[in-house]
């Protein structure tokens, strides 16, 4: 079974490097063969992750394995969800699949889950609308948000969730209903369920739900 290393990050050049690996593999094989994809990534673009999955599924003859030596967060976890098998060590980390976006803090820009930012925005809006007194403190905090971006974040969340359920329904949890899949992967869709919501990760034992699709 050929081993194909993935790029550290998915957007742009990451997919190009993977494509060259795939092309080299195709030139030296005849017909579909099993593929073991090594993923070590902090995450990236969910669309790029889906493209990687399509290539691997097509070339693997339905024998697609993902090996995670250290971590596969966000979009990396989505790739794992599309595999027949996930090989992890006791120190391997997966992560919630909610999209991450840069957000300015006192210490500079940091990646934050869109779900967290949307919750903060909704809470500030609700408090401002219900407050009968001075709403200025809420308005000042709301100035950090852009309503258009918040709407886009909501779409990102919906698209990522749909992609995750689709991949699992096609492979590891084939035959199961959407509601059952969502229940099994709740820890991957709600970052506040992880050990450390500030730096969310999901260890091998916690990720066992992905291996219960068969």
N, C-alpha and C. Protein backbone atom coordinates (compact mmCIF):
# COMPACT_ATOMS: atom_id res chain seq x y z
N UNK A 1 0.85 -1.18 0.00
CA UNK A 1 0.00 0.00 0.00
C UNK A 1 0.89 1.25 0.00
N UNK A 2 0.80 2.10 -1.01
CA UNK A 2 1.65 3.28 -1.08
C UNK A 2 1.38 4.26 0.05
N UNK A 3 2.44 4.89 0.56
CA UNK A 3 2.32 5.94 1.55
C UNK A 3 2.48 7.28 0.86
N UNK A 4 1.52 8.17 1.04
CA UNK A 4 1.57 9.49 0.42
C UNK A 4 1.54 10.55 1.50
N UNK A 5 2.61 11.35 1.63
CA UNK A 5 2.61 12.40 2.66
C UNK A 5 1.74 13.56 2.25
N UNK A 6 1.01 14.12 3.19
CA UNK A 6 0.21 15.31 2.89
C UNK A 6 0.99 16.55 3.25
N UNK A 7 0.55 17.71 2.76
CA UNK A 7 1.20 18.96 3.10
C UNK A 7 0.80 19.39 4.50
N UNK A 8 1.60 20.29 5.10
CA UNK A 8 1.31 20.74 6.46
C UNK A 8 0.06 21.61 6.51
N UNK A 9 -0.19 22.37 5.45
CA UNK A 9 -1.38 23.20 5.39
C UNK A 9 -2.05 22.99 4.04
N UNK A 10 -3.38 23.06 4.01
CA UNK A 10 -4.10 22.69 2.81
C UNK A 10 -4.24 23.78 1.75
N UNK A 11 -4.47 25.05 2.11
CA UNK A 11 -4.72 26.03 1.06
C UNK A 11 -3.54 26.20 0.10
N UNK A 12 -3.84 26.51 -1.13
CA UNK A 12 -2.81 26.86 -2.11
C UNK A 12 -1.81 25.77 -2.37
N UNK A 13 -0.55 26.06 -2.04
CA UNK A 13 0.55 25.17 -2.36
C UNK A 13 0.41 23.79 -1.76
N UNK A 14 -0.30 23.67 -0.62
CA UNK A 14 -0.47 22.37 0.00
C UNK A 14 -1.10 21.37 -0.95
N UNK A 15 -2.19 21.78 -1.59
CA UNK A 15 -2.87 20.88 -2.51
C UNK A 15 -2.01 20.60 -3.72
N UNK A 16 -1.23 21.58 -4.17
CA UNK A 16 -0.35 21.36 -5.32
C UNK A 16 0.70 20.30 -5.00
N UNK A 17 1.30 20.37 -3.82
CA UNK A 17 2.30 19.37 -3.46
C UNK A 17 1.68 18.00 -3.38
N UNK A 18 0.48 17.94 -2.83
CA UNK A 18 -0.21 16.65 -2.77
C UNK A 18 -0.50 16.14 -4.18
N UNK A 19 -0.91 17.03 -5.07
CA UNK A 19 -1.22 16.62 -6.44
C UNK A 19 -0.01 16.00 -7.13
N UNK A 20 1.19 16.56 -6.87
CA UNK A 20 2.39 15.99 -7.49
C UNK A 20 2.66 14.59 -6.94
N UNK A 21 2.42 14.40 -5.64
CA UNK A 21 2.57 13.06 -5.06
C UNK A 21 1.60 12.09 -5.71
N UNK A 22 0.36 12.57 -5.90
CA UNK A 22 -0.66 11.73 -6.51
C UNK A 22 -0.30 11.38 -7.93
N UNK A 23 0.22 12.35 -8.70
CA UNK A 23 0.59 12.10 -10.08
C UNK A 23 1.72 11.09 -10.17
N UNK A 24 2.70 11.22 -9.28
CA UNK A 24 3.82 10.27 -9.26
C UNK A 24 3.31 8.88 -8.96
N UNK A 25 2.39 8.78 -8.01
CA UNK A 25 1.82 7.48 -7.67
C UNK A 25 1.08 6.88 -8.87
N UNK A 26 0.32 7.72 -9.57
CA UNK A 26 -0.46 7.23 -10.69
C UNK A 26 0.45 6.74 -11.82
N UNK A 27 1.58 7.39 -12.01
CA UNK A 27 2.48 7.01 -13.07
C UNK A 27 3.17 5.67 -12.82
N UNK A 28 3.19 5.21 -11.58
CA UNK A 28 3.92 3.99 -11.24
C UNK A 28 3.01 2.84 -10.83
N UNK A 29 1.71 3.01 -11.03
CA UNK A 29 0.78 1.94 -10.67
C UNK A 29 -0.21 1.72 -11.80
N UNK A 30 -0.77 0.54 -11.83
CA UNK A 30 -1.80 0.21 -12.81
C UNK A 30 -3.08 -0.11 -12.05
N UNK A 31 -4.11 0.71 -12.26
CA UNK A 31 -5.38 0.45 -11.61
C UNK A 31 -5.36 0.91 -10.16
N UNK A 32 -6.55 0.89 -9.50
CA UNK A 32 -6.68 1.34 -8.13
C UNK A 32 -5.89 0.47 -7.15
N UNK A 33 -5.28 1.09 -6.17
CA UNK A 33 -4.60 0.38 -5.09
C UNK A 33 -4.92 1.09 -3.78
N UNK A 34 -4.71 0.37 -2.67
CA UNK A 34 -4.91 1.00 -1.38
C UNK A 34 -3.94 2.15 -1.17
N UNK A 35 -4.39 3.18 -0.47
CA UNK A 35 -3.56 4.35 -0.20
C UNK A 35 -3.55 4.62 1.30
N UNK A 36 -2.35 4.86 1.84
CA UNK A 36 -2.19 5.34 3.22
C UNK A 36 -1.71 6.78 3.13
N UNK A 37 -2.52 7.70 3.59
CA UNK A 37 -2.20 9.13 3.53
C UNK A 37 -1.74 9.59 4.92
N UNK A 38 -0.53 10.12 5.01
CA UNK A 38 -0.01 10.65 6.26
C UNK A 38 -0.44 12.11 6.39
N UNK A 39 -1.22 12.41 7.40
CA UNK A 39 -1.72 13.76 7.61
C UNK A 39 -1.16 14.32 8.92
N UNK A 40 -0.50 15.46 8.82
CA UNK A 40 -0.01 16.17 10.00
C UNK A 40 -0.29 17.64 9.74
N UNK A 41 -1.43 18.13 10.22
CA UNK A 41 -1.89 19.45 9.80
C UNK A 41 -2.69 20.15 10.90
N UNK A 42 -2.50 21.47 11.05
CA UNK A 42 -3.32 22.25 11.98
C UNK A 42 -4.69 22.61 11.39
N UNK A 43 -4.90 22.26 10.13
CA UNK A 43 -6.19 22.54 9.50
C UNK A 43 -6.05 23.41 8.26
N UNK A 44 -7.17 23.87 7.76
CA UNK A 44 -7.15 24.68 6.54
C UNK A 44 -8.53 24.76 5.91
N UNK A 45 -8.56 24.77 4.61
CA UNK A 45 -9.77 24.95 3.83
C UNK A 45 -10.53 23.63 3.68
N UNK A 46 -11.79 23.61 4.10
CA UNK A 46 -12.60 22.40 3.99
C UNK A 46 -12.81 21.95 2.56
N UNK A 47 -12.89 22.92 1.64
CA UNK A 47 -13.06 22.58 0.22
C UNK A 47 -11.84 21.83 -0.30
N UNK A 48 -10.64 22.31 0.09
CA UNK A 48 -9.42 21.62 -0.32
C UNK A 48 -9.36 20.22 0.27
N UNK A 49 -9.81 20.09 1.52
CA UNK A 49 -9.83 18.77 2.15
C UNK A 49 -10.72 17.81 1.37
N UNK A 50 -11.88 18.30 0.91
CA UNK A 50 -12.78 17.44 0.14
C UNK A 50 -12.13 17.02 -1.18
N UNK A 51 -11.38 17.91 -1.80
CA UNK A 51 -10.70 17.56 -3.05
C UNK A 51 -9.66 16.47 -2.82
N UNK A 52 -8.91 16.59 -1.73
CA UNK A 52 -7.93 15.56 -1.39
C UNK A 52 -8.62 14.22 -1.19
N UNK A 53 -9.76 14.25 -0.52
CA UNK A 53 -10.52 13.02 -0.27
C UNK A 53 -10.96 12.38 -1.58
N UNK A 54 -11.46 13.21 -2.52
CA UNK A 54 -11.94 12.66 -3.80
C UNK A 54 -10.82 11.96 -4.54
N UNK A 55 -9.62 12.58 -4.55
CA UNK A 55 -8.47 11.97 -5.23
C UNK A 55 -8.11 10.64 -4.58
N UNK A 56 -8.03 10.64 -3.25
CA UNK A 56 -7.63 9.42 -2.54
C UNK A 56 -8.66 8.31 -2.69
N UNK A 57 -9.93 8.66 -2.60
CA UNK A 57 -10.97 7.63 -2.74
C UNK A 57 -10.96 7.04 -4.15
N UNK A 58 -10.75 7.89 -5.13
CA UNK A 58 -10.76 7.43 -6.52
C UNK A 58 -9.59 6.51 -6.82
N UNK A 59 -8.41 6.84 -6.28
CA UNK A 59 -7.21 6.07 -6.61
C UNK A 59 -6.95 4.89 -5.68
N UNK A 60 -7.72 4.80 -4.58
CA UNK A 60 -7.41 3.78 -3.57
C UNK A 60 -8.16 2.47 -3.75
N UNK A 61 -9.12 2.43 -4.67
CA UNK A 61 -9.91 1.21 -4.81
C UNK A 61 -10.70 0.90 -3.55
N UNK A 62 -11.22 1.96 -2.92
CA UNK A 62 -12.02 1.85 -1.70
C UNK A 62 -11.22 1.26 -0.54
N UNK A 63 -9.92 1.50 -0.53
CA UNK A 63 -9.06 1.07 0.57
C UNK A 63 -8.19 2.26 0.96
N UNK A 64 -8.80 3.20 1.68
CA UNK A 64 -8.17 4.49 1.99
C UNK A 64 -7.93 4.58 3.50
N UNK A 65 -6.68 4.70 3.86
CA UNK A 65 -6.27 4.75 5.26
C UNK A 65 -5.57 6.07 5.54
N UNK A 66 -5.85 6.67 6.69
CA UNK A 66 -5.18 7.90 7.11
C UNK A 66 -4.34 7.61 8.34
N UNK A 67 -3.08 8.01 8.28
CA UNK A 67 -2.16 7.86 9.41
C UNK A 67 -1.88 9.25 9.97
N UNK A 68 -2.14 9.44 11.25
CA UNK A 68 -1.94 10.74 11.89
C UNK A 68 -0.84 10.60 12.95
N UNK A 69 0.40 11.00 12.63
CA UNK A 69 1.50 10.85 13.58
C UNK A 69 1.42 11.82 14.76
N UNK A 70 0.87 13.02 14.50
CA UNK A 70 0.84 14.03 15.58
C UNK A 70 -0.53 14.69 15.69
N UNK A 71 -0.98 15.36 14.62
CA UNK A 71 -2.26 16.04 14.72
C UNK A 71 -2.92 16.18 13.35
N UNK A 72 -4.25 16.23 13.37
CA UNK A 72 -5.05 16.50 12.18
C UNK A 72 -6.25 17.30 12.65
N UNK A 73 -6.13 18.61 12.62
CA UNK A 73 -7.17 19.49 13.15
C UNK A 73 -8.08 19.98 12.03
N UNK A 74 -9.29 20.36 12.40
CA UNK A 74 -10.22 21.05 11.51
C UNK A 74 -10.38 20.31 10.17
N UNK A 75 -9.86 20.88 9.08
CA UNK A 75 -9.97 20.23 7.77
C UNK A 75 -9.21 18.90 7.74
N UNK A 76 -8.16 18.78 8.55
CA UNK A 76 -7.44 17.50 8.65
C UNK A 76 -8.33 16.42 9.24
N UNK A 77 -9.15 16.79 10.22
CA UNK A 77 -10.10 15.85 10.80
C UNK A 77 -11.15 15.44 9.77
N UNK A 78 -11.55 16.36 8.90
CA UNK A 78 -12.51 16.03 7.84
C UNK A 78 -11.95 14.93 6.94
N UNK A 79 -10.66 15.01 6.61
CA UNK A 79 -10.04 13.97 5.78
C UNK A 79 -10.10 12.63 6.50
N UNK A 80 -9.85 12.64 7.81
CA UNK A 80 -9.92 11.40 8.59
C UNK A 80 -11.32 10.79 8.53
N UNK A 81 -12.33 11.64 8.52
CA UNK A 81 -13.70 11.15 8.50
C UNK A 81 -14.04 10.42 7.21
N UNK A 82 -13.27 10.67 6.16
CA UNK A 82 -13.54 10.03 4.87
C UNK A 82 -12.77 8.74 4.67
N UNK A 83 -11.92 8.38 5.63
CA UNK A 83 -11.07 7.20 5.47
C UNK A 83 -11.79 5.93 5.93
N UNK A 84 -11.31 4.80 5.43
CA UNK A 84 -11.80 3.51 5.92
C UNK A 84 -11.23 3.20 7.30
N UNK A 85 -10.00 3.68 7.52
CA UNK A 85 -9.32 3.44 8.80
C UNK A 85 -8.52 4.68 9.17
N UNK A 86 -8.41 4.92 10.49
CA UNK A 86 -7.58 6.00 11.01
C UNK A 86 -6.56 5.37 11.95
N UNK A 87 -5.28 5.58 11.68
CA UNK A 87 -4.21 5.05 12.53
C UNK A 87 -3.70 6.20 13.40
N UNK A 88 -3.84 6.05 14.73
CA UNK A 88 -3.45 7.08 15.68
C UNK A 88 -2.63 6.48 16.81
N UNK A 89 -1.75 7.28 17.38
CA UNK A 89 -1.01 6.86 18.57
C UNK A 89 -1.72 7.42 19.81
N UNK A 90 -1.19 7.11 20.96
CA UNK A 90 -1.80 7.60 22.21
C UNK A 90 -1.64 9.10 22.37
N UNK A 91 -0.72 9.71 21.61
CA UNK A 91 -0.50 11.17 21.71
C UNK A 91 -1.04 11.93 20.51
N UNK A 92 -1.67 11.23 19.58
CA UNK A 92 -2.23 11.89 18.41
C UNK A 92 -3.41 12.77 18.79
N UNK A 93 -3.55 13.88 18.08
CA UNK A 93 -4.66 14.79 18.34
C UNK A 93 -5.48 15.04 17.07
N UNK A 94 -6.79 14.88 17.19
CA UNK A 94 -7.72 15.39 16.19
C UNK A 94 -8.32 16.67 16.77
N UNK A 95 -9.19 17.32 16.01
CA UNK A 95 -9.75 18.56 16.52
C UNK A 95 -11.17 18.77 16.07
N UNK A 96 -11.88 19.69 16.71
CA UNK A 96 -13.22 20.04 16.26
C UNK A 96 -13.19 20.50 14.81
N UNK A 97 -14.27 20.25 14.08
CA UNK A 97 -14.29 20.59 12.66
C UNK A 97 -14.84 21.98 12.39
N UNK A 98 -15.18 22.73 13.45
CA UNK A 98 -15.69 24.08 13.21
C UNK A 98 -14.58 24.94 12.61
N UNK A 99 -14.91 25.73 11.60
CA UNK A 99 -13.89 26.54 10.92
C UNK A 99 -13.22 27.52 11.87
N UNK A 100 -11.95 27.81 11.61
CA UNK A 100 -11.18 28.76 12.40
C UNK A 100 -10.90 30.01 11.55
N UNK A 101 -11.06 31.18 12.15
CA UNK A 101 -10.78 32.43 11.43
C UNK A 101 -9.89 33.32 12.29
N UNK A 102 -9.05 34.16 11.67
CA UNK A 102 -8.19 35.06 12.45
C UNK A 102 -9.00 36.16 13.12
N UNK A 103 -8.65 36.45 14.38
CA UNK A 103 -9.36 37.48 15.14
C UNK A 103 -8.34 38.30 15.93
N UNK A 104 -8.47 39.60 15.88
CA UNK A 104 -7.50 40.48 16.54
C UNK A 104 -7.70 40.46 18.06
N UNK A 105 -6.63 40.22 18.79
CA UNK A 105 -6.63 40.28 20.25
C UNK A 105 -5.56 41.25 20.71
N UNK A 106 -5.45 41.45 22.02
CA UNK A 106 -4.42 42.33 22.56
C UNK A 106 -3.03 41.84 22.19
N UNK A 107 -2.88 40.52 22.12
CA UNK A 107 -1.58 39.92 21.80
C UNK A 107 -1.35 39.76 20.30
N UNK A 108 -2.28 40.27 19.49
CA UNK A 108 -2.16 40.10 18.04
C UNK A 108 -3.24 39.18 17.52
N UNK A 109 -3.11 38.78 16.27
CA UNK A 109 -4.13 37.92 15.66
C UNK A 109 -3.99 36.48 16.15
N UNK A 110 -5.12 35.86 16.45
CA UNK A 110 -5.19 34.45 16.83
C UNK A 110 -6.34 33.80 16.07
N UNK A 111 -6.25 32.49 15.89
CA UNK A 111 -7.35 31.76 15.26
C UNK A 111 -8.40 31.42 16.31
N UNK A 112 -9.65 31.73 15.98
CA UNK A 112 -10.77 31.43 16.87
C UNK A 112 -11.83 30.64 16.10
N UNK A 113 -12.52 29.71 16.77
CA UNK A 113 -13.61 28.99 16.11
C UNK A 113 -14.73 29.96 15.74
N UNK A 114 -15.26 29.82 14.55
CA UNK A 114 -16.37 30.70 14.13
C UNK A 114 -17.57 30.54 15.06
N UNK A 115 -17.77 29.32 15.57
CA UNK A 115 -18.90 29.08 16.48
C UNK A 115 -18.79 29.98 17.72
N UNK A 116 -17.57 30.11 18.26
CA UNK A 116 -17.36 30.94 19.44
C UNK A 116 -17.64 32.41 19.13
N UNK A 117 -17.12 32.89 18.00
CA UNK A 117 -17.32 34.29 17.64
C UNK A 117 -18.79 34.60 17.37
N UNK A 118 -19.50 33.68 16.73
CA UNK A 118 -20.93 33.88 16.47
C UNK A 118 -21.72 33.92 17.77
N UNK A 119 -21.35 33.06 18.72
CA UNK A 119 -22.03 33.06 20.02
C UNK A 119 -21.82 34.39 20.75
N UNK A 120 -20.60 34.92 20.70
CA UNK A 120 -20.31 36.20 21.35
C UNK A 120 -21.12 37.31 20.69
N UNK A 121 -21.15 37.31 19.36
CA UNK A 121 -21.90 38.33 18.63
C UNK A 121 -23.39 38.26 18.97
N UNK A 122 -23.96 37.07 18.95
CA UNK A 122 -25.39 36.90 19.25
C UNK A 122 -25.70 37.32 20.69
N UNK A 123 -24.79 37.01 21.61
CA UNK A 123 -25.00 37.37 23.01
C UNK A 123 -24.98 38.88 23.19
N UNK A 124 -24.03 39.55 22.54
CA UNK A 124 -23.95 41.02 22.64
C UNK A 124 -25.19 41.68 22.02
N UNK A 125 -25.63 41.17 20.89
CA UNK A 125 -26.82 41.71 20.24
C UNK A 125 -28.05 41.54 21.13
N UNK A 126 -28.19 40.36 21.73
CA UNK A 126 -29.33 40.09 22.60
C UNK A 126 -29.32 40.99 23.83
N UNK A 127 -28.14 41.13 24.45
CA UNK A 127 -28.03 41.98 25.64
C UNK A 127 -28.33 43.44 25.31
N UNK A 128 -27.85 43.89 24.15
CA UNK A 128 -28.09 45.28 23.75
C UNK A 128 -29.57 45.54 23.52
N UNK A 129 -30.25 44.57 22.92
CA UNK A 129 -31.68 44.73 22.62
C UNK A 129 -32.54 44.67 23.88
N UNK A 130 -32.09 43.91 24.88
CA UNK A 130 -32.90 43.74 26.10
C UNK A 130 -32.60 44.78 27.17
N UNK A 131 -31.45 45.46 27.04
CA UNK A 131 -31.06 46.44 28.04
C UNK A 131 -31.92 47.71 27.90
N UNK A 132 -32.49 48.14 29.03
CA UNK A 132 -33.32 49.34 29.01
C UNK A 132 -32.52 50.60 29.35
N UNK A 133 -31.33 50.40 29.85
CA UNK A 133 -30.51 51.54 30.23
C UNK A 133 -29.48 51.88 29.16
N UNK A 134 -28.24 52.08 29.58
CA UNK A 134 -27.15 52.48 28.69
C UNK A 134 -26.67 51.29 27.86
N UNK A 135 -26.81 51.36 26.55
CA UNK A 135 -26.39 50.26 25.68
C UNK A 135 -25.02 50.53 25.06
N UNK A 136 -24.40 51.65 25.40
CA UNK A 136 -23.13 52.03 24.79
C UNK A 136 -22.04 50.96 24.96
N UNK A 137 -21.91 50.34 26.16
CA UNK A 137 -20.88 49.30 26.30
C UNK A 137 -21.04 48.15 25.31
N UNK A 138 -22.28 47.77 25.03
CA UNK A 138 -22.52 46.69 24.08
C UNK A 138 -22.21 47.13 22.66
N UNK A 139 -22.59 48.36 22.33
CA UNK A 139 -22.33 48.87 20.99
C UNK A 139 -20.84 48.98 20.71
N UNK A 140 -20.07 49.37 21.73
CA UNK A 140 -18.62 49.47 21.56
C UNK A 140 -18.01 48.10 21.24
N UNK A 141 -18.47 47.07 21.92
CA UNK A 141 -17.96 45.72 21.67
C UNK A 141 -18.42 45.20 20.31
N UNK A 142 -19.63 45.56 19.92
CA UNK A 142 -20.15 45.10 18.63
C UNK A 142 -19.42 45.74 17.45
N UNK A 143 -18.73 46.85 17.69
CA UNK A 143 -17.99 47.50 16.60
C UNK A 143 -16.84 46.63 16.10
N UNK A 144 -16.44 45.68 16.90
CA UNK A 144 -15.37 44.77 16.48
C UNK A 144 -15.85 43.76 15.45
N UNK A 145 -17.16 43.65 15.29
CA UNK A 145 -17.74 42.67 14.38
C UNK A 145 -18.24 43.34 13.11
N UNK A 146 -18.27 42.55 12.05
CA UNK A 146 -18.87 42.97 10.78
C UNK A 146 -20.03 42.02 10.50
N UNK A 147 -21.21 42.57 10.34
CA UNK A 147 -22.41 41.74 10.17
C UNK A 147 -22.29 40.80 8.97
N UNK A 148 -21.65 41.28 7.91
CA UNK A 148 -21.46 40.44 6.73
C UNK A 148 -20.56 39.25 7.02
N UNK A 149 -19.49 39.50 7.79
CA UNK A 149 -18.59 38.41 8.16
C UNK A 149 -19.29 37.40 9.05
N UNK A 150 -20.11 37.88 9.98
CA UNK A 150 -20.84 36.97 10.86
C UNK A 150 -21.77 36.07 10.05
N UNK A 151 -22.43 36.64 9.06
CA UNK A 151 -23.30 35.84 8.19
C UNK A 151 -22.49 34.80 7.43
N UNK A 152 -21.29 35.18 6.99
CA UNK A 152 -20.41 34.24 6.29
C UNK A 152 -19.94 33.14 7.22
N UNK A 153 -19.65 33.47 8.47
CA UNK A 153 -19.23 32.46 9.44
C UNK A 153 -20.32 31.42 9.66
N UNK A 154 -21.56 31.88 9.70
CA UNK A 154 -22.68 30.94 9.87
C UNK A 154 -22.74 29.96 8.69
N UNK A 155 -22.49 30.48 7.49
CA UNK A 155 -22.48 29.61 6.31
C UNK A 155 -21.33 28.61 6.37
N UNK A 156 -20.16 29.08 6.82
CA UNK A 156 -19.00 28.20 6.97
C UNK A 156 -19.35 27.02 7.88
N UNK A 157 -19.99 27.31 9.01
CA UNK A 157 -20.35 26.26 9.95
C UNK A 157 -21.31 25.26 9.32
N UNK A 158 -22.32 25.77 8.63
CA UNK A 158 -23.31 24.88 8.01
C UNK A 158 -22.67 24.00 6.94
N UNK A 159 -21.81 24.60 6.11
CA UNK A 159 -21.16 23.84 5.04
C UNK A 159 -20.22 22.77 5.59
N UNK A 160 -19.47 23.11 6.64
CA UNK A 160 -18.55 22.15 7.24
C UNK A 160 -19.31 20.97 7.84
N UNK A 161 -20.41 21.26 8.52
CA UNK A 161 -21.21 20.20 9.12
C UNK A 161 -21.81 19.28 8.04
N UNK A 162 -22.29 19.89 6.97
CA UNK A 162 -22.85 19.09 5.88
C UNK A 162 -21.79 18.21 5.23
N UNK A 163 -20.58 18.77 5.07
CA UNK A 163 -19.49 18.00 4.47
C UNK A 163 -19.12 16.82 5.36
N UNK A 164 -19.04 17.05 6.67
CA UNK A 164 -18.67 15.98 7.60
C UNK A 164 -19.69 14.84 7.58
N UNK A 165 -20.97 15.19 7.64
CA UNK A 165 -22.00 14.16 7.65
C UNK A 165 -22.05 13.41 6.31
N UNK A 166 -21.79 14.13 5.22
CA UNK A 166 -21.79 13.49 3.90
C UNK A 166 -20.65 12.48 3.79
N UNK A 167 -19.46 12.88 4.22
CA UNK A 167 -18.30 11.99 4.13
C UNK A 167 -18.50 10.74 4.99
N UNK A 168 -19.01 10.92 6.19
CA UNK A 168 -19.21 9.78 7.08
C UNK A 168 -20.33 8.87 6.57
N UNK A 169 -21.38 9.47 6.02
CA UNK A 169 -22.49 8.67 5.49
C UNK A 169 -22.05 7.84 4.29
N UNK A 170 -21.05 8.34 3.57
CA UNK A 170 -20.56 7.62 2.39
C UNK A 170 -19.57 6.53 2.75
N UNK A 171 -18.91 6.65 3.92
CA UNK A 171 -17.81 5.73 4.22
C UNK A 171 -17.93 5.09 5.61
N UNK A 172 -17.34 5.69 6.65
CA UNK A 172 -17.25 5.03 7.95
C UNK A 172 -18.60 4.76 8.60
N UNK A 173 -19.61 5.56 8.31
CA UNK A 173 -20.92 5.36 8.92
C UNK A 173 -21.98 5.15 7.85
N UNK A 174 -21.59 4.45 6.82
CA UNK A 174 -22.51 4.20 5.71
C UNK A 174 -23.75 3.46 6.19
N UNK A 175 -24.92 3.94 5.77
CA UNK A 175 -26.18 3.32 6.14
C UNK A 175 -26.83 3.93 7.36
N UNK A 176 -26.11 4.78 8.08
CA UNK A 176 -26.68 5.40 9.27
C UNK A 176 -27.37 6.72 8.91
N UNK A 177 -28.40 7.06 9.66
CA UNK A 177 -29.15 8.28 9.41
C UNK A 177 -28.37 9.50 9.91
N UNK A 178 -28.71 10.66 9.34
CA UNK A 178 -27.97 11.89 9.65
C UNK A 178 -28.02 12.19 11.15
N UNK A 179 -29.18 12.02 11.77
CA UNK A 179 -29.32 12.32 13.19
C UNK A 179 -28.39 11.45 14.03
N UNK A 180 -28.25 10.19 13.65
CA UNK A 180 -27.38 9.29 14.39
C UNK A 180 -25.91 9.67 14.21
N UNK A 181 -25.56 10.07 12.99
CA UNK A 181 -24.18 10.51 12.73
C UNK A 181 -23.85 11.74 13.55
N UNK A 182 -24.76 12.71 13.57
CA UNK A 182 -24.52 13.95 14.32
C UNK A 182 -24.35 13.66 15.81
N UNK A 183 -25.10 12.70 16.32
CA UNK A 183 -24.98 12.34 17.73
C UNK A 183 -23.61 11.75 18.03
N UNK A 184 -23.12 10.90 17.13
CA UNK A 184 -21.84 10.24 17.35
C UNK A 184 -20.66 11.20 17.27
N UNK A 185 -20.78 12.23 16.44
CA UNK A 185 -19.64 13.13 16.23
C UNK A 185 -19.82 14.45 16.96
N UNK A 186 -20.66 14.48 17.98
CA UNK A 186 -20.94 15.72 18.70
C UNK A 186 -19.67 16.37 19.24
N UNK A 187 -18.73 15.56 19.71
CA UNK A 187 -17.50 16.11 20.26
C UNK A 187 -16.67 16.83 19.19
N UNK A 188 -16.89 16.48 17.92
CA UNK A 188 -16.16 17.13 16.83
C UNK A 188 -16.87 18.39 16.33
N UNK A 189 -18.12 18.57 16.69
CA UNK A 189 -18.89 19.71 16.19
C UNK A 189 -19.11 20.79 17.24
N UNK A 190 -18.82 20.47 18.49
CA UNK A 190 -19.00 21.45 19.56
C UNK A 190 -17.70 21.57 20.33
N UNK A 191 -16.93 22.61 20.04
CA UNK A 191 -15.58 22.75 20.59
C UNK A 191 -15.57 22.89 22.10
N UNK A 192 -16.69 23.32 22.73
CA UNK A 192 -16.69 23.48 24.17
C UNK A 192 -16.77 22.15 24.90
N UNK A 193 -16.85 21.03 24.14
CA UNK A 193 -16.86 19.71 24.76
C UNK A 193 -15.46 19.12 24.88
N UNK A 194 -14.46 19.77 24.31
CA UNK A 194 -13.10 19.23 24.33
C UNK A 194 -12.44 19.49 25.68
N UNK A 195 -11.27 18.88 25.89
CA UNK A 195 -10.58 19.00 27.17
C UNK A 195 -10.21 20.44 27.48
N UNK A 196 -9.83 21.19 26.46
CA UNK A 196 -9.42 22.58 26.65
C UNK A 196 -10.01 23.43 25.53
N UNK A 197 -11.18 24.08 25.77
CA UNK A 197 -11.82 24.87 24.72
C UNK A 197 -10.93 25.98 24.18
N UNK A 198 -9.92 26.43 24.97
CA UNK A 198 -9.03 27.48 24.50
C UNK A 198 -8.06 26.98 23.46
N UNK A 199 -7.69 25.70 23.55
CA UNK A 199 -6.79 25.08 22.57
C UNK A 199 -7.32 23.67 22.32
N UNK A 200 -8.46 23.57 21.64
CA UNK A 200 -9.19 22.31 21.57
C UNK A 200 -8.43 21.19 20.86
N UNK A 201 -8.46 20.02 21.46
CA UNK A 201 -7.93 18.83 20.81
C UNK A 201 -8.72 17.62 21.28
N UNK A 202 -8.72 16.59 20.48
CA UNK A 202 -9.46 15.37 20.78
C UNK A 202 -8.48 14.21 20.68
N UNK A 203 -8.27 13.51 21.78
CA UNK A 203 -7.29 12.44 21.81
C UNK A 203 -7.86 11.16 21.20
N UNK A 204 -7.03 10.13 21.14
CA UNK A 204 -7.42 8.88 20.49
C UNK A 204 -8.66 8.26 21.13
N UNK A 205 -8.69 8.21 22.46
CA UNK A 205 -9.83 7.60 23.14
C UNK A 205 -11.12 8.37 22.89
N UNK A 206 -11.04 9.70 22.87
CA UNK A 206 -12.22 10.51 22.64
C UNK A 206 -12.72 10.39 21.21
N UNK A 207 -11.83 10.10 20.28
CA UNK A 207 -12.20 10.01 18.86
C UNK A 207 -12.76 8.64 18.49
N UNK A 208 -12.99 7.80 19.49
CA UNK A 208 -13.43 6.42 19.21
C UNK A 208 -14.73 6.38 18.43
N UNK A 209 -15.56 7.43 18.53
CA UNK A 209 -16.86 7.44 17.84
C UNK A 209 -16.71 7.31 16.33
N UNK A 210 -15.58 7.77 15.78
CA UNK A 210 -15.36 7.66 14.34
C UNK A 210 -15.16 6.23 13.91
N UNK A 211 -14.74 5.37 14.83
CA UNK A 211 -14.46 3.97 14.49
C UNK A 211 -15.66 3.07 14.75
N UNK A 212 -16.79 3.68 15.12
CA UNK A 212 -17.96 2.90 15.44
C UNK A 212 -19.00 2.93 14.34
N UNK A 213 -18.57 3.35 13.14
CA UNK A 213 -19.52 3.45 12.04
C UNK A 213 -19.86 2.11 11.44
N UNK A 214 -18.96 1.13 11.55
CA UNK A 214 -19.21 -0.15 10.91
C UNK A 214 -20.25 -0.94 11.67
